[in-house]
Amino acid sequence: MDASNFGSESLAHGNVTVTTTAATPTIVRQDLTQRSLMIFNNSTTITAYVGNSAISTTNGYPIPPGDSVTLNTRSPVYIITASSTADIRWISEVA
């Protein structure tokens, strides 16, 4: 079986504490060599919003508490919350 068809041979992972500050949204992962990024909202009550550097709670993609989103991108990924703080976990493939 050819393992090169299964994506990357390396993973990166971590966590960030996300706040409501839309003026300076949190960068979840900025490594432009990444291929696939899964973001998990570990908060029990706070919705997080993911998008580009112009993110807001009105234009960001919502990630409800306990939910996740998978992105295939090499762009920086930003995240904010509508209220309070959220514990965000992430894992990505790296080239």
C-alpha atoms as a PDB file:
ATOM      1  CA  MET A   1       0.000   0.000   0.000  1.00  0.00           C
ATOM      2  CA  ASP A   2       1.408   3.412  -0.999  1.00  0.00           C
ATOM      3  CA  ALA A   3       1.341   5.683   2.072  1.00  0.00           C
ATOM      4  CA  SER A   4       1.864   8.819  -0.064  1.00  0.00           C
ATOM      5  CA  ASN A   5      -1.834   8.714  -0.957  1.00  0.00           C
ATOM      6  CA  PHE A   6      -2.879   9.228   2.644  1.00  0.00           C
ATOM      7  CA  GLY A   7      -1.703  12.807   3.199  1.00  0.00           C
ATOM      8  CA  SER A   8       1.003  14.043   5.497  1.00  0.00           C
ATOM      9  CA  GLU A   9       3.384  12.031   7.635  1.00  0.00           C
ATOM     10  CA  SER A  10       3.446  14.701  10.340  1.00  0.00           C
ATOM     11  CA  LEU A  11       0.874  16.228  12.720  1.00  0.00           C
ATOM     12  CA  ALA A  12       0.844  19.412  14.749  1.00  0.00           C
ATOM     13  CA  HIS A  13      -1.623  20.151  17.555  1.00  0.00           C
ATOM     14  CA  GLY A  14      -2.331  22.644  20.278  1.00  0.00           C
ATOM     15  CA  ASN A  15      -4.888  24.814  21.992  1.00  0.00           C
ATOM     16  CA  VAL A  16      -5.741  28.496  22.240  1.00  0.00           C
ATOM     17  CA  THR A  17      -7.950  30.508  24.556  1.00  0.00           C
ATOM     18  CA  VAL A  18     -10.228  32.619  22.376  1.00  0.00           C
ATOM     19  CA  THR A  19     -11.907  35.880  23.392  1.00  0.00           C
ATOM     20  CA  THR A  20     -14.408  38.348  21.965  1.00  0.00           C
ATOM     21  CA  THR A  21     -11.816  40.809  20.644  1.00  0.00           C
ATOM     22  CA  ALA A  22     -12.669  41.187  16.953  1.00  0.00           C
ATOM     23  CA  ALA A  23     -10.040  43.926  16.580  1.00  0.00           C
ATOM     24  CA  THR A  24      -7.313  41.344  17.246  1.00  0.00           C
ATOM     25  CA  PRO A  25      -8.771  37.886  16.571  1.00  0.00           C
ATOM     26  CA  THR A  26      -6.835  34.836  17.721  1.00  0.00           C
ATOM     27  CA  ILE A  27      -4.795  33.049  15.067  1.00  0.00           C
ATOM     28  CA  VAL A  28      -5.452  29.337  15.478  1.00  0.00           C
ATOM     29  CA  ARG A  29      -2.730  28.185  13.112  1.00  0.00           C
ATOM     30  CA  GLN A  30      -0.604  30.274  10.779  1.00  0.00           C
ATOM     31  CA  ASP A  31       1.797  27.649   9.454  1.00  0.00           C
ATOM     32  CA  LEU A  32       1.329  27.957   5.706  1.00  0.00           C
ATOM     33  CA  THR A  33       2.638  24.417   5.132  1.00  0.00           C
ATOM     34  CA  GLN A  34      -0.457  22.890   6.708  1.00  0.00           C
ATOM     35  CA  ARG A  35      -2.845  20.897   4.579  1.00  0.00           C
ATOM     36  CA  SER A  36      -5.823  20.046   6.721  1.00  0.00           C
ATOM     37  CA  LEU A  37      -6.864  21.651  10.006  1.00  0.00           C
ATOM     38  CA  MET A  38      -9.521  20.422  12.431  1.00  0.00           C
ATOM     39  CA  ILE A  39     -10.745  22.900  15.031  1.00  0.00           C
ATOM     40  CA  PHE A  40     -12.717  21.649  18.043  1.00  0.00           C
ATOM     41  CA  ASN A  41     -14.643  23.970  20.374  1.00  0.00           C
ATOM     42  CA  ASN A  42     -14.003  22.467  23.806  1.00  0.00           C
ATOM     43  CA  SER A  43     -16.205  25.056  25.542  1.00  0.00           C
ATOM     44  CA  THR A  44     -19.425  23.916  27.174  1.00  0.00           C
ATOM     45  CA  THR A  45     -21.499  27.047  26.518  1.00  0.00           C
ATOM     46  CA  ILE A  46     -19.686  29.465  24.167  1.00  0.00           C
ATOM     47  CA  THR A  47     -19.999  29.542  20.360  1.00  0.00           C
ATOM     48  CA  ALA A  48     -16.774  30.334  18.496  1.00  0.00           C
ATOM     49  CA  TYR A  49     -16.560  31.849  15.002  1.00  0.00           C
ATOM     50  CA  VAL A  50     -13.840  31.019  12.466  1.00  0.00           C
ATOM     51  CA  GLY A  51     -12.779  32.965   9.368  1.00  0.00           C
ATOM     52  CA  ASN A  52     -10.138  35.268   7.926  1.00  0.00           C
ATOM     53  CA  SER A  53      -8.529  38.331   9.561  1.00  0.00           C
ATOM     54  CA  ALA A  54     -11.732  40.381   9.047  1.00  0.00           C
ATOM     55  CA  ILE A  55     -13.773  37.933  11.144  1.00  0.00           C
ATOM     56  CA  SER A  56     -16.738  39.020  13.249  1.00  0.00           C
ATOM     57  CA  THR A  57     -19.601  37.190  14.908  1.00  0.00           C
ATOM     58  CA  THR A  58     -21.845  38.233  12.006  1.00  0.00           C
ATOM     59  CA  ASN A  59     -19.609  36.984   9.165  1.00  0.00           C
ATOM     60  CA  GLY A  60     -17.647  34.134  10.788  1.00  0.00           C
ATOM     61  CA  TYR A  61     -18.531  30.468  10.503  1.00  0.00           C
ATOM     62  CA  PRO A  62     -20.079  29.370  13.838  1.00  0.00           C
ATOM     63  CA  ILE A  63     -18.659  26.432  15.785  1.00  0.00           C
ATOM     64  CA  PRO A  64     -21.152  25.580  18.551  1.00  0.00           C
ATOM     65  CA  PRO A  65     -19.949  24.184  21.903  1.00  0.00           C
ATOM     66  CA  GLY A  66     -18.666  20.631  21.520  1.00  0.00           C
ATOM     67  CA  ASP A  67     -18.643  20.854  17.721  1.00  0.00           C
ATOM     68  CA  SER A  68     -15.776  20.933  15.225  1.00  0.00           C
ATOM     69  CA  VAL A  69     -14.938  22.070  11.713  1.00  0.00           C
ATOM     70  CA  THR A  70     -12.341  20.750   9.268  1.00  0.00           C
ATOM     71  CA  LEU A  71     -10.638  23.111   6.830  1.00  0.00           C
ATOM     72  CA  ASN A  72      -8.317  22.361   3.929  1.00  0.00           C
ATOM     73  CA  THR A  73      -6.293  25.550   3.698  1.00  0.00           C
ATOM     74  CA  ARG A  74      -2.836  27.031   3.766  1.00  0.00           C
ATOM     75  CA  SER A  75      -4.168  30.449   4.853  1.00  0.00           C
ATOM     76  CA  PRO A  76      -4.018  31.750   8.425  1.00  0.00           C
ATOM     77  CA  VAL A  77      -7.176  30.837  10.388  1.00  0.00           C
ATOM     78  CA  TYR A  78      -8.684  33.318  12.858  1.00  0.00           C
ATOM     79  CA  ILE A  79     -11.254  32.725  15.579  1.00  0.00           C
ATOM     80  CA  ILE A  80     -13.306  34.808  18.047  1.00  0.00           C
ATOM     81  CA  THR A  81     -16.221  34.286  20.430  1.00  0.00           C
ATOM     82  CA  ALA A  82     -19.478  36.196  20.901  1.00  0.00           C
ATOM     83  CA  SER A  83     -19.021  36.320  24.669  1.00  0.00           C
ATOM     84  CA  SER A  84     -16.581  35.221  27.357  1.00  0.00           C
ATOM     85  CA  THR A  85     -13.723  32.863  26.398  1.00  0.00           C
ATOM     86  CA  ALA A  86     -13.575  29.463  24.738  1.00  0.00           C
ATOM     87  CA  ASP A  87     -10.991  26.693  24.925  1.00  0.00           C
ATOM     88  CA  ILE A  88     -10.222  25.775  21.308  1.00  0.00           C
ATOM     89  CA  ARG A  89      -8.243  22.653  20.414  1.00  0.00           C
ATOM     90  CA  TRP A  90      -6.757  22.067  16.968  1.00  0.00           C
ATOM     91  CA  ILE A  91      -4.873  19.417  15.040  1.00  0.00           C
ATOM     92  CA  SER A  92      -3.424  19.700  11.544  1.00  0.00           C
ATOM     93  CA  GLU A  93      -1.454  17.845   8.959  1.00  0.00           C
ATOM     94  CA  VAL A  94       1.802  19.544   8.047  1.00  0.00           C
ATOM     95  CA  ALA A  95       3.808  19.106   4.872  1.00  0.00           C
END
